[in-house]
Amino acid sequence: MRQPVLEARAGADSISQAIGGRVRQGRGSRGWTLDQLAGRSGVSRRMLISIEQGSANPSIATLLRISDALGIGLPALVNMDRSPGLRVTRAGAAPVLWRGKAGGRAVLVAGTEPPDVTELWDWTLGPGENHSSEAHTAGTRELLFVLDGQLELRVGQHAEVLATGDSASFAGDLAHEYVNASSAQVARFTLTVFEPTVGGDAAR
């Protein structure tokens, strides 16, 4: 069991280093200080330093705040392959941006660049796991399709239980949460996030 854990840790470290480099490069290209990026993103200066050094394990929400502030979108911030035109992400190569205590994980398998950013996610929630997401930028919309198990989707004041094969569309600019209430079964779903006009005022 130890070898897969070590490989996962090595992969996470390389992603953290890549993210740190892109944050530092994005900030530098705009001539921003750490304090300026902190003010624009709402992420503390201390956290930004740790991220740029590749020593932090930031949440998806934190990465979204930074990528939106830089005007580059989350896929460009975390994507290991920056080839133009056709981009292929091989199995096992996509970045894992969240890991749950019961084996859950969120993998950003594909994405597009600004101004209209689309993200494709592969989510797994272990038994009893949940993931809360703060409201994204205005106009964000999400599509969800349940591949296995059962999922409770909470959006604003509304909640729906989705079974295998069910799908939903919802406003990502409302606070939302994915919940696997099962004590034994894994829930797996794909998620598409559309965030329009990213980076419109990032240069200001």
N, C-alpha and C. Protein backbone atom coordinates (compact mmCIF):
# COMPACT_ATOMS: atom_id res chain seq x y z
N MET A 1 0.82 -1.21 0.00
CA MET A 1 0.00 0.00 0.00
C MET A 1 0.86 1.26 0.00
N ARG A 2 2.10 1.14 0.47
CA ARG A 2 2.92 2.34 0.63
C ARG A 2 3.32 2.94 -0.71
N GLN A 3 3.61 2.11 -1.72
CA GLN A 3 4.07 2.64 -3.01
C GLN A 3 3.03 3.55 -3.66
N PRO A 4 1.74 3.16 -3.76
CA PRO A 4 0.76 4.08 -4.34
C PRO A 4 0.64 5.39 -3.57
N VAL A 5 0.77 5.34 -2.24
CA VAL A 5 0.71 6.56 -1.45
C VAL A 5 1.87 7.48 -1.80
N LEU A 6 3.07 6.91 -1.93
CA LEU A 6 4.23 7.71 -2.29
C LEU A 6 4.07 8.32 -3.68
N GLU A 7 3.55 7.54 -4.63
CA GLU A 7 3.34 8.04 -5.99
C GLU A 7 2.32 9.17 -5.99
N ALA A 8 1.25 9.03 -5.21
CA ALA A 8 0.23 10.08 -5.13
C ALA A 8 0.82 11.35 -4.55
N ARG A 9 1.67 11.20 -3.53
CA ARG A 9 2.30 12.35 -2.90
C ARG A 9 3.23 13.06 -3.88
N ALA A 10 4.00 12.27 -4.64
CA ALA A 10 4.90 12.85 -5.63
C ALA A 10 4.12 13.61 -6.70
N GLY A 11 2.99 13.02 -7.12
CA GLY A 11 2.16 13.70 -8.11
C GLY A 11 1.60 14.99 -7.58
N ALA A 12 1.15 14.98 -6.33
CA ALA A 12 0.59 16.19 -5.71
C ALA A 12 1.66 17.26 -5.59
N ASP A 13 2.89 16.86 -5.25
CA ASP A 13 3.99 17.82 -5.12
C ASP A 13 4.28 18.49 -6.46
N SER A 14 4.30 17.71 -7.55
CA SER A 14 4.59 18.29 -8.86
C SER A 14 3.50 19.25 -9.30
N ILE A 15 2.25 18.92 -8.98
CA ILE A 15 1.14 19.82 -9.30
C ILE A 15 1.26 21.10 -8.49
N SER A 16 1.60 20.97 -7.19
CA SER A 16 1.75 22.15 -6.33
C SER A 16 2.86 23.06 -6.85
N GLN A 17 3.95 22.47 -7.30
CA GLN A 17 5.06 23.26 -7.84
C GLN A 17 4.64 23.98 -9.11
N ALA A 18 3.91 23.27 -9.98
CA ALA A 18 3.46 23.88 -11.23
C ALA A 18 2.50 25.03 -10.97
N ILE A 19 1.56 24.82 -10.05
CA ILE A 19 0.61 25.87 -9.70
C ILE A 19 1.34 27.08 -9.14
N GLY A 20 2.29 26.81 -8.24
CA GLY A 20 3.04 27.90 -7.64
C GLY A 20 3.77 28.73 -8.69
N GLY A 21 4.36 28.05 -9.66
CA GLY A 21 5.06 28.76 -10.71
C GLY A 21 4.14 29.61 -11.56
N ARG A 22 2.95 29.10 -11.82
CA ARG A 22 2.00 29.84 -12.66
C ARG A 22 1.42 31.04 -11.91
N VAL A 23 1.18 30.89 -10.62
CA VAL A 23 0.71 32.02 -9.82
C VAL A 23 1.78 33.11 -9.80
N ARG A 24 3.01 32.72 -9.55
CA ARG A 24 4.11 33.68 -9.50
C ARG A 24 4.30 34.37 -10.85
N GLN A 25 4.21 33.58 -11.94
CA GLN A 25 4.36 34.14 -13.28
C GLN A 25 3.21 35.09 -13.61
N GLY A 26 1.96 34.67 -13.28
CA GLY A 26 0.81 35.51 -13.56
C GLY A 26 0.85 36.81 -12.79
N ARG A 27 1.26 36.74 -11.55
CA ARG A 27 1.37 37.94 -10.73
C ARG A 27 2.47 38.86 -11.27
N GLY A 28 3.61 38.27 -11.61
CA GLY A 28 4.72 39.05 -12.11
C GLY A 28 4.43 39.73 -13.44
N SER A 29 3.72 39.02 -14.33
CA SER A 29 3.41 39.59 -15.64
C SER A 29 2.48 40.79 -15.55
N ARG A 30 1.74 40.87 -14.45
CA ARG A 30 0.84 42.01 -14.23
C ARG A 30 1.47 43.09 -13.36
N GLY A 31 2.68 42.82 -12.90
CA GLY A 31 3.38 43.79 -12.07
C GLY A 31 2.77 43.95 -10.69
N TRP A 32 2.10 42.88 -10.21
CA TRP A 32 1.43 42.96 -8.92
C TRP A 32 2.34 42.47 -7.80
N THR A 33 2.22 43.10 -6.66
CA THR A 33 2.86 42.60 -5.45
C THR A 33 1.99 41.50 -4.85
N LEU A 34 2.54 40.80 -3.88
CA LEU A 34 1.74 39.79 -3.17
C LEU A 34 0.54 40.44 -2.49
N ASP A 35 0.74 41.63 -1.95
CA ASP A 35 -0.36 42.33 -1.28
C ASP A 35 -1.47 42.69 -2.27
N GLN A 36 -1.09 43.07 -3.49
CA GLN A 36 -2.10 43.41 -4.50
C GLN A 36 -2.91 42.18 -4.90
N LEU A 37 -2.23 41.04 -5.10
CA LEU A 37 -2.96 39.82 -5.45
C LEU A 37 -3.83 39.37 -4.28
N ALA A 38 -3.34 39.53 -3.07
CA ALA A 38 -4.13 39.17 -1.90
C ALA A 38 -5.41 40.02 -1.84
N GLY A 39 -5.27 41.31 -2.12
CA GLY A 39 -6.43 42.18 -2.10
C GLY A 39 -7.44 41.87 -3.17
N ARG A 40 -6.96 41.48 -4.35
CA ARG A 40 -7.86 41.18 -5.46
C ARG A 40 -8.52 39.81 -5.33
N SER A 41 -7.82 38.87 -4.71
CA SER A 41 -8.32 37.49 -4.65
C SER A 41 -9.02 37.15 -3.33
N GLY A 42 -8.71 37.90 -2.29
CA GLY A 42 -9.25 37.55 -0.98
C GLY A 42 -8.50 36.41 -0.32
N VAL A 43 -7.35 36.05 -0.86
CA VAL A 43 -6.50 35.01 -0.30
C VAL A 43 -5.37 35.69 0.46
N SER A 44 -5.07 35.22 1.66
CA SER A 44 -4.08 35.88 2.51
C SER A 44 -2.70 35.87 1.88
N ARG A 45 -1.91 36.87 2.23
CA ARG A 45 -0.54 36.97 1.73
C ARG A 45 0.27 35.75 2.13
N ARG A 46 0.06 35.28 3.35
CA ARG A 46 0.79 34.11 3.83
C ARG A 46 0.47 32.88 2.98
N MET A 47 -0.81 32.68 2.67
CA MET A 47 -1.19 31.54 1.83
C MET A 47 -0.61 31.68 0.44
N LEU A 48 -0.63 32.88 -0.12
CA LEU A 48 -0.08 33.10 -1.45
C LEU A 48 1.41 32.77 -1.49
N ILE A 49 2.14 33.14 -0.45
CA ILE A 49 3.56 32.82 -0.39
C ILE A 49 3.76 31.31 -0.40
N SER A 50 2.96 30.61 0.41
CA SER A 50 3.08 29.15 0.48
C SER A 50 2.74 28.50 -0.86
N ILE A 51 1.72 29.03 -1.54
CA ILE A 51 1.34 28.48 -2.84
C ILE A 51 2.44 28.72 -3.86
N GLU A 52 2.99 29.93 -3.90
CA GLU A 52 4.05 30.22 -4.86
C GLU A 52 5.30 29.38 -4.60
N GLN A 53 5.52 29.01 -3.36
CA GLN A 53 6.66 28.17 -3.01
C GLN A 53 6.38 26.68 -3.25
N GLY A 54 5.12 26.35 -3.56
CA GLY A 54 4.76 24.97 -3.81
C GLY A 54 4.62 24.14 -2.57
N SER A 55 4.49 24.79 -1.42
CA SER A 55 4.43 24.06 -0.15
C SER A 55 3.02 23.98 0.43
N ALA A 56 2.05 24.59 -0.24
CA ALA A 56 0.68 24.61 0.28
C ALA A 56 -0.17 23.55 -0.42
N ASN A 57 -1.29 23.23 0.21
CA ASN A 57 -2.28 22.34 -0.39
C ASN A 57 -3.61 23.10 -0.42
N PRO A 58 -3.73 24.08 -1.32
CA PRO A 58 -4.89 24.97 -1.31
C PRO A 58 -6.18 24.26 -1.73
N SER A 59 -7.29 24.75 -1.19
CA SER A 59 -8.59 24.21 -1.56
C SER A 59 -8.96 24.63 -2.97
N ILE A 60 -9.97 23.97 -3.54
CA ILE A 60 -10.46 24.36 -4.86
C ILE A 60 -10.95 25.80 -4.83
N ALA A 61 -11.64 26.18 -3.74
CA ALA A 61 -12.15 27.55 -3.62
C ALA A 61 -11.02 28.57 -3.66
N THR A 62 -9.91 28.27 -2.99
CA THR A 62 -8.77 29.18 -2.99
C THR A 62 -8.16 29.30 -4.38
N LEU A 63 -8.02 28.18 -5.07
CA LEU A 63 -7.48 28.21 -6.43
C LEU A 63 -8.39 28.98 -7.37
N LEU A 64 -9.69 28.85 -7.18
CA LEU A 64 -10.63 29.60 -8.01
C LEU A 64 -10.50 31.10 -7.78
N ARG A 65 -10.36 31.50 -6.52
CA ARG A 65 -10.21 32.92 -6.23
C ARG A 65 -8.96 33.50 -6.90
N ILE A 66 -7.88 32.74 -6.83
CA ILE A 66 -6.62 33.21 -7.42
C ILE A 66 -6.71 33.25 -8.94
N SER A 67 -7.24 32.19 -9.55
CA SER A 67 -7.31 32.14 -11.01
C SER A 67 -8.25 33.21 -11.55
N ASP A 68 -9.35 33.46 -10.84
CA ASP A 68 -10.27 34.53 -11.26
C ASP A 68 -9.60 35.89 -11.13
N ALA A 69 -8.86 36.10 -10.03
CA ALA A 69 -8.18 37.38 -9.85
C ALA A 69 -7.14 37.63 -10.93
N LEU A 70 -6.44 36.56 -11.33
CA LEU A 70 -5.43 36.68 -12.38
C LEU A 70 -6.06 36.73 -13.77
N GLY A 71 -7.33 36.34 -13.86
CA GLY A 71 -8.02 36.37 -15.15
C GLY A 71 -7.62 35.27 -16.10
N ILE A 72 -7.18 34.12 -15.55
CA ILE A 72 -6.72 33.04 -16.42
C ILE A 72 -7.61 31.81 -16.36
N GLY A 73 -8.48 31.71 -15.36
CA GLY A 73 -9.33 30.53 -15.24
C GLY A 73 -8.60 29.38 -14.58
N LEU A 74 -9.35 28.53 -13.89
CA LEU A 74 -8.75 27.41 -13.15
C LEU A 74 -8.01 26.41 -14.04
N PRO A 75 -8.54 26.01 -15.21
CA PRO A 75 -7.80 25.03 -16.03
C PRO A 75 -6.40 25.49 -16.39
N ALA A 76 -6.23 26.76 -16.75
CA ALA A 76 -4.91 27.26 -17.12
C ALA A 76 -3.98 27.30 -15.92
N LEU A 77 -4.54 27.45 -14.72
CA LEU A 77 -3.70 27.50 -13.52
C LEU A 77 -3.15 26.12 -13.15
N VAL A 78 -3.94 25.07 -13.38
CA VAL A 78 -3.53 23.75 -12.90
C VAL A 78 -3.16 22.77 -14.01
N ASN A 79 -3.46 23.09 -15.26
CA ASN A 79 -3.24 22.16 -16.36
C ASN A 79 -1.75 21.91 -16.58
N MET A 80 -1.35 20.63 -16.56
CA MET A 80 0.05 20.28 -16.73
C MET A 80 0.47 20.33 -18.20
N ASP A 81 -0.49 20.25 -19.13
CA ASP A 81 -0.19 20.27 -20.56
C ASP A 81 -0.73 21.55 -21.14
N ARG A 82 0.14 22.45 -21.59
CA ARG A 82 -0.29 23.75 -22.11
C ARG A 82 -0.23 23.79 -23.64
N SER A 83 -0.28 22.64 -24.31
CA SER A 83 -0.20 22.61 -25.77
C SER A 83 -1.41 23.33 -26.38
N PRO A 84 -1.20 24.15 -27.39
CA PRO A 84 -2.32 24.83 -28.04
C PRO A 84 -3.10 23.89 -28.95
N GLY A 85 -4.30 24.30 -29.32
CA GLY A 85 -5.11 23.51 -30.26
C GLY A 85 -5.74 22.33 -29.57
N LEU A 86 -5.23 21.15 -29.87
CA LEU A 86 -5.73 19.91 -29.28
C LEU A 86 -4.96 19.60 -28.01
N ARG A 87 -5.69 19.36 -26.93
CA ARG A 87 -5.07 19.00 -25.66
C ARG A 87 -5.65 17.67 -25.20
N VAL A 88 -4.80 16.71 -25.02
CA VAL A 88 -5.20 15.39 -24.56
C VAL A 88 -4.64 15.15 -23.17
N THR A 89 -5.48 14.75 -22.26
CA THR A 89 -5.04 14.38 -20.92
C THR A 89 -5.18 12.88 -20.78
N ARG A 90 -4.07 12.19 -20.65
CA ARG A 90 -4.09 10.74 -20.56
C ARG A 90 -4.62 10.28 -19.21
N ALA A 91 -5.13 9.06 -19.19
CA ALA A 91 -5.69 8.49 -17.97
C ALA A 91 -4.66 8.54 -16.85
N GLY A 92 -5.07 9.06 -15.71
CA GLY A 92 -4.19 9.14 -14.55
C GLY A 92 -3.31 10.37 -14.50
N ALA A 93 -3.36 11.21 -15.56
CA ALA A 93 -2.47 12.37 -15.61
C ALA A 93 -3.14 13.66 -15.18
N ALA A 94 -4.47 13.68 -15.05
CA ALA A 94 -5.18 14.90 -14.69
C ALA A 94 -4.94 15.24 -13.22
N PRO A 95 -4.91 16.53 -12.88
CA PRO A 95 -4.63 16.91 -11.49
C PRO A 95 -5.79 16.60 -10.55
N VAL A 96 -5.46 16.02 -9.40
CA VAL A 96 -6.43 15.79 -8.33
C VAL A 96 -6.40 17.01 -7.43
N LEU A 97 -7.50 17.75 -7.36
CA LEU A 97 -7.52 19.02 -6.63
C LEU A 97 -8.22 18.92 -5.28
N TRP A 98 -8.80 17.77 -4.99
CA TRP A 98 -9.41 17.56 -3.67
C TRP A 98 -9.39 16.07 -3.36
N ARG A 99 -9.08 15.74 -2.10
CA ARG A 99 -9.13 14.36 -1.64
C ARG A 99 -9.92 14.31 -0.34
N GLY A 100 -10.85 13.36 -0.26
CA GLY A 100 -11.65 13.20 0.94
C GLY A 100 -11.06 12.17 1.87
N LYS A 101 -11.55 12.16 3.09
CA LYS A 101 -11.02 11.23 4.10
C LYS A 101 -11.48 9.80 3.87
N ALA A 102 -12.52 9.61 3.05
CA ALA A 102 -13.03 8.26 2.80
C ALA A 102 -12.74 7.80 1.37
N GLY A 103 -11.72 8.40 0.75
CA GLY A 103 -11.30 7.98 -0.58
C GLY A 103 -11.84 8.82 -1.72
N GLY A 104 -12.64 9.82 -1.41
CA GLY A 104 -13.18 10.68 -2.46
C GLY A 104 -12.11 11.56 -3.08
N ARG A 105 -12.39 12.03 -4.29
CA ARG A 105 -11.45 12.93 -4.95
C ARG A 105 -12.14 13.69 -6.07
N ALA A 106 -11.57 14.83 -6.40
CA ALA A 106 -12.06 15.65 -7.50
C ALA A 106 -10.93 15.85 -8.49
N VAL A 107 -11.14 15.42 -9.73
CA VAL A 107 -10.11 15.47 -10.76
C VAL A 107 -10.58 16.41 -11.88
N LEU A 108 -9.78 17.41 -12.17
CA LEU A 108 -10.07 18.32 -13.28
C LEU A 108 -9.50 17.70 -14.55
N VAL A 109 -10.36 17.04 -15.33
CA VAL A 109 -9.87 16.24 -16.45
C VAL A 109 -9.67 17.03 -17.73
N ALA A 110 -10.34 18.18 -17.86
CA ALA A 110 -10.18 18.99 -19.07
C ALA A 110 -10.71 20.39 -18.80
N GLY A 111 -10.27 21.34 -19.60
CA GLY A 111 -10.75 22.70 -19.43
C GLY A 111 -10.32 23.58 -20.58
N THR A 112 -10.99 24.72 -20.70
CA THR A 112 -10.67 25.70 -21.74
C THR A 112 -10.15 26.97 -21.09
N GLU A 113 -9.63 27.87 -21.91
CA GLU A 113 -9.05 29.11 -21.42
C GLU A 113 -10.03 30.27 -21.60
N PRO A 114 -9.74 31.43 -20.99
CA PRO A 114 -10.62 32.59 -21.08
C PRO A 114 -10.81 33.03 -22.53
N PRO A 115 -11.88 33.79 -22.76
CA PRO A 115 -12.71 34.45 -21.75
C PRO A 115 -13.84 33.58 -21.19
N ASP A 116 -14.33 32.61 -21.94
CA ASP A 116 -15.41 31.75 -21.45
C ASP A 116 -14.81 30.40 -21.08
N VAL A 117 -14.65 30.17 -19.79
CA VAL A 117 -13.94 28.99 -19.29
C VAL A 117 -14.93 27.86 -19.02
N THR A 118 -14.62 26.69 -19.54
CA THR A 118 -15.41 25.49 -19.27
C THR A 118 -14.50 24.45 -18.62
N GLU A 119 -14.98 23.86 -17.53
CA GLU A 119 -14.21 22.84 -16.81
C GLU A 119 -14.99 21.53 -16.82
N LEU A 120 -14.27 20.42 -17.00
CA LEU A 120 -14.86 19.09 -16.92
C LEU A 120 -14.20 18.34 -15.77
N TRP A 121 -15.03 17.89 -14.81
CA TRP A 121 -14.55 17.26 -13.60
C TRP A 121 -15.03 15.81 -13.50
N ASP A 122 -14.20 15.00 -12.86
CA ASP A 122 -14.56 13.63 -12.49
C ASP A 122 -14.52 13.57 -10.96
N TRP A 123 -15.70 13.45 -10.34
CA TRP A 123 -15.81 13.50 -8.89
C TRP A 123 -16.14 12.13 -8.32
N THR A 124 -15.53 11.81 -7.20
CA THR A 124 -15.89 10.62 -6.42
C THR A 124 -16.06 11.05 -4.97
N LEU A 125 -17.16 10.66 -4.36
CA LEU A 125 -17.38 10.88 -2.93
C LEU A 125 -17.47 9.53 -2.25
N GLY A 126 -16.60 9.29 -1.28
CA GLY A 126 -16.66 8.06 -0.51
C GLY A 126 -17.87 8.06 0.40
N PRO A 127 -18.17 6.93 1.03
CA PRO A 127 -19.32 6.85 1.93
C PRO A 127 -19.28 7.94 3.01
N GLY A 128 -20.36 8.70 3.11
CA GLY A 128 -20.47 9.73 4.13
C GLY A 128 -19.76 11.03 3.82
N GLU A 129 -19.12 11.13 2.66
CA GLU A 129 -18.38 12.36 2.33
C GLU A 129 -19.28 13.42 1.72
N ASN A 130 -18.85 14.65 1.85
CA ASN A 130 -19.52 15.76 1.19
C ASN A 130 -18.49 16.82 0.81
N HIS A 131 -18.86 17.68 -0.11
CA HIS A 131 -17.99 18.79 -0.49
C HIS A 131 -18.85 20.03 -0.69
N SER A 132 -18.51 21.09 0.04
CA SER A 132 -19.24 22.36 -0.08
C SER A 132 -18.45 23.32 -0.97
N SER A 133 -19.17 24.06 -1.79
CA SER A 133 -18.54 25.03 -2.68
C SER A 133 -19.21 26.38 -2.49
N GLU A 134 -18.40 27.39 -2.32
CA GLU A 134 -18.96 28.74 -2.22
C GLU A 134 -19.45 29.18 -3.59
N ALA A 135 -20.26 30.22 -3.60
CA ALA A 135 -20.79 30.73 -4.86
C ALA A 135 -19.65 31.18 -5.77
N HIS A 136 -19.71 30.78 -7.04
CA HIS A 136 -18.72 31.20 -8.02
C HIS A 136 -19.11 32.56 -8.59
N THR A 137 -18.35 33.04 -9.56
CA THR A 137 -18.62 34.35 -10.14
C THR A 137 -19.98 34.37 -10.84
N ALA A 138 -20.54 35.56 -10.95
CA ALA A 138 -21.89 35.73 -11.52
C ALA A 138 -21.96 35.12 -12.92
N GLY A 139 -23.04 34.39 -13.16
CA GLY A 139 -23.26 33.78 -14.47
C GLY A 139 -22.73 32.37 -14.60
N THR A 140 -22.02 31.86 -13.59
CA THR A 140 -21.49 30.50 -13.65
C THR A 140 -22.63 29.48 -13.64
N ARG A 141 -22.56 28.50 -14.52
CA ARG A 141 -23.57 27.44 -14.60
C ARG A 141 -22.88 26.09 -14.57
N GLU A 142 -23.58 25.09 -14.02
CA GLU A 142 -22.98 23.77 -13.88
C GLU A 142 -23.95 22.68 -14.34
N LEU A 143 -23.37 21.62 -14.90
CA LEU A 143 -24.11 20.44 -15.33
C LEU A 143 -23.53 19.24 -14.60
N LEU A 144 -24.38 18.38 -14.07
CA LEU A 144 -23.94 17.24 -13.28
C LEU A 144 -24.64 15.98 -13.75
N PHE A 145 -23.88 14.87 -13.85
CA PHE A 145 -24.42 13.59 -14.26
C PHE A 145 -23.89 12.50 -13.33
N VAL A 146 -24.81 11.76 -12.70
CA VAL A 146 -24.41 10.73 -11.74
C VAL A 146 -24.09 9.44 -12.48
N LEU A 147 -22.85 8.96 -12.30
CA LEU A 147 -22.39 7.73 -12.95
C LEU A 147 -22.65 6.49 -12.10
N ASP A 148 -22.45 6.62 -10.78
CA ASP A 148 -22.63 5.49 -9.86
C ASP A 148 -23.12 6.01 -8.51
N GLY A 149 -23.94 5.21 -7.85
CA GLY A 149 -24.38 5.54 -6.51
C GLY A 149 -25.49 6.57 -6.49
N GLN A 150 -25.60 7.24 -5.37
CA GLN A 150 -26.65 8.23 -5.15
C GLN A 150 -26.03 9.48 -4.54
N LEU A 151 -26.51 10.62 -4.99
CA LEU A 151 -25.92 11.90 -4.59
C LEU A 151 -27.02 12.87 -4.20
N GLU A 152 -26.81 13.59 -3.12
CA GLU A 152 -27.71 14.69 -2.78
C GLU A 152 -27.04 15.99 -3.22
N LEU A 153 -27.74 16.75 -4.05
CA LEU A 153 -27.25 18.02 -4.55
C LEU A 153 -28.01 19.14 -3.87
N ARG A 154 -27.28 20.02 -3.20
CA ARG A 154 -27.89 21.16 -2.52
C ARG A 154 -27.43 22.44 -3.19
N VAL A 155 -28.37 23.25 -3.64
CA VAL A 155 -28.07 24.51 -4.32
C VAL A 155 -28.91 25.60 -3.68
N GLY A 156 -28.25 26.55 -3.03
CA GLY A 156 -29.00 27.57 -2.32
C GLY A 156 -29.89 26.93 -1.26
N GLN A 157 -31.19 27.18 -1.35
CA GLN A 157 -32.15 26.62 -0.40
C GLN A 157 -32.79 25.33 -0.91
N HIS A 158 -32.37 24.84 -2.06
CA HIS A 158 -32.99 23.66 -2.66
C HIS A 158 -32.08 22.44 -2.53
N ALA A 159 -32.70 21.26 -2.48
CA ALA A 159 -31.95 20.01 -2.42
C ALA A 159 -32.68 18.94 -3.21
N GLU A 160 -31.92 18.13 -3.93
CA GLU A 160 -32.48 17.03 -4.70
C GLU A 160 -31.58 15.82 -4.54
N VAL A 161 -32.20 14.63 -4.43
CA VAL A 161 -31.45 13.38 -4.40
C VAL A 161 -31.42 12.82 -5.82
N LEU A 162 -30.21 12.55 -6.32
CA LEU A 162 -30.02 12.06 -7.68
C LEU A 162 -29.47 10.64 -7.63
N ALA A 163 -30.07 9.76 -8.41
CA ALA A 163 -29.62 8.37 -8.49
C ALA A 163 -28.78 8.17 -9.75
N THR A 164 -28.20 6.99 -9.91
CA THR A 164 -27.40 6.67 -11.08
C THR A 164 -28.19 6.94 -12.36
N GLY A 165 -27.61 7.70 -13.26
CA GLY A 165 -28.27 8.05 -14.52
C GLY A 165 -29.01 9.36 -14.47
N ASP A 166 -29.23 9.92 -13.28
CA ASP A 166 -29.90 11.23 -13.16
C ASP A 166 -28.91 12.34 -13.48
N SER A 167 -29.45 13.48 -13.90
CA SER A 167 -28.61 14.64 -14.19
C SER A 167 -29.28 15.90 -13.68
N ALA A 168 -28.52 16.98 -13.61
CA ALA A 168 -29.06 18.25 -13.13
C ALA A 168 -28.27 19.40 -13.74
N SER A 169 -28.94 20.52 -13.89
CA SER A 169 -28.27 21.77 -14.26
C SER A 169 -28.62 22.78 -13.17
N PHE A 170 -27.65 23.60 -12.81
CA PHE A 170 -27.91 24.53 -11.72
C PHE A 170 -26.99 25.74 -11.78
N ALA A 171 -27.35 26.76 -11.00
CA ALA A 171 -26.59 28.00 -10.95
C ALA A 171 -25.39 27.83 -10.04
N GLY A 172 -24.20 27.92 -10.62
CA GLY A 172 -22.98 27.81 -9.84
C GLY A 172 -22.65 29.07 -9.08
N ASP A 173 -23.40 30.17 -9.34
CA ASP A 173 -23.16 31.40 -8.59
C ASP A 173 -23.99 31.46 -7.32
N LEU A 174 -24.53 30.29 -6.91
CA LEU A 174 -25.11 30.11 -5.59
C LEU A 174 -24.24 29.11 -4.83
N ALA A 175 -24.20 29.24 -3.52
CA ALA A 175 -23.47 28.25 -2.72
C ALA A 175 -24.10 26.88 -2.95
N HIS A 176 -23.26 25.85 -3.10
CA HIS A 176 -23.79 24.52 -3.38
C HIS A 176 -22.96 23.45 -2.70
N GLU A 177 -23.54 22.26 -2.61
CA GLU A 177 -22.88 21.17 -1.88
C GLU A 177 -23.26 19.83 -2.50
N TYR A 178 -22.27 18.94 -2.56
CA TYR A 178 -22.48 17.57 -3.03
C TYR A 178 -22.35 16.65 -1.82
N VAL A 179 -23.34 15.79 -1.61
CA VAL A 179 -23.37 14.95 -0.41
C VAL A 179 -23.62 13.50 -0.78
N ASN A 180 -22.77 12.61 -0.27
CA ASN A 180 -23.01 11.18 -0.37
C ASN A 180 -23.45 10.70 1.01
N ALA A 181 -24.76 10.51 1.19
CA ALA A 181 -25.30 10.15 2.50
C ALA A 181 -25.18 8.66 2.80
N SER A 182 -24.77 7.87 1.80
CA SER A 182 -24.66 6.43 2.00
C SER A 182 -23.52 6.10 2.97
N SER A 183 -23.73 5.08 3.78
CA SER A 183 -22.69 4.65 4.71
C SER A 183 -21.81 3.55 4.12
N ALA A 184 -22.15 3.11 2.90
CA ALA A 184 -21.41 1.99 2.33
C ALA A 184 -21.05 2.17 0.86
N GLN A 185 -21.79 2.97 0.12
CA GLN A 185 -21.63 3.03 -1.33
C GLN A 185 -20.91 4.31 -1.76
N VAL A 186 -20.06 4.18 -2.75
CA VAL A 186 -19.36 5.32 -3.35
C VAL A 186 -20.29 6.00 -4.35
N ALA A 187 -20.22 7.31 -4.42
CA ALA A 187 -20.95 8.08 -5.42
C ALA A 187 -19.94 8.68 -6.39
N ARG A 188 -20.21 8.54 -7.68
CA ARG A 188 -19.32 9.11 -8.69
C ARG A 188 -20.14 9.90 -9.69
N PHE A 189 -19.65 11.08 -10.04
CA PHE A 189 -20.38 11.92 -10.98
C PHE A 189 -19.42 12.78 -11.79
N THR A 190 -19.87 13.16 -12.98
CA THR A 190 -19.13 14.12 -13.79
C THR A 190 -19.78 15.48 -13.60
N LEU A 191 -18.95 16.50 -13.72
CA LEU A 191 -19.42 17.86 -13.50
C LEU A 191 -18.80 18.77 -14.55
N THR A 192 -19.64 19.55 -15.22
CA THR A 192 -19.17 20.56 -16.16
C THR A 192 -19.50 21.93 -15.60
N VAL A 193 -18.50 22.79 -15.54
CA VAL A 193 -18.66 24.14 -15.00
C VAL A 193 -18.37 25.15 -16.12
N PHE A 194 -19.31 26.06 -16.35
CA PHE A 194 -19.12 27.12 -17.35
C PHE A 194 -19.07 28.45 -16.62
N GLU A 195 -17.93 29.14 -16.77
CA GLU A 195 -17.73 30.44 -16.14
C GLU A 195 -17.45 31.48 -17.23
N PRO A 196 -18.43 32.36 -17.51
CA PRO A 196 -18.26 33.32 -18.62
C PRO A 196 -17.39 34.52 -18.26
N THR A 197 -16.82 35.09 -19.30
CA THR A 197 -16.07 36.35 -19.24
C THR A 197 -15.08 36.41 -18.08
N VAL A 198 -14.23 35.40 -18.00
CA VAL A 198 -13.17 35.38 -16.99
C VAL A 198 -12.07 36.35 -17.41
N GLY A 199 -11.58 37.12 -16.47
CA GLY A 199 -10.44 37.99 -16.74
C GLY A 199 -10.78 39.32 -17.34
N GLY A 200 -12.06 39.71 -17.30
CA GLY A 200 -12.45 40.97 -17.91
C GLY A 200 -11.79 42.18 -17.29
N ASP A 201 -11.52 42.12 -15.97
CA ASP A 201 -10.93 43.27 -15.32
C ASP A 201 -9.64 42.92 -14.59
N ALA A 202 -9.02 41.80 -14.97
CA ALA A 202 -7.84 41.34 -14.24
C ALA A 202 -6.65 42.29 -14.42
N ALA A 203 -6.59 42.97 -15.53
CA ALA A 203 -5.44 43.82 -15.78
C ALA A 203 -5.54 45.17 -15.09
N ARG A 204 -6.70 45.49 -14.55
CA ARG A 204 -6.88 46.81 -13.96
C ARG A 204 -6.40 46.86 -12.52
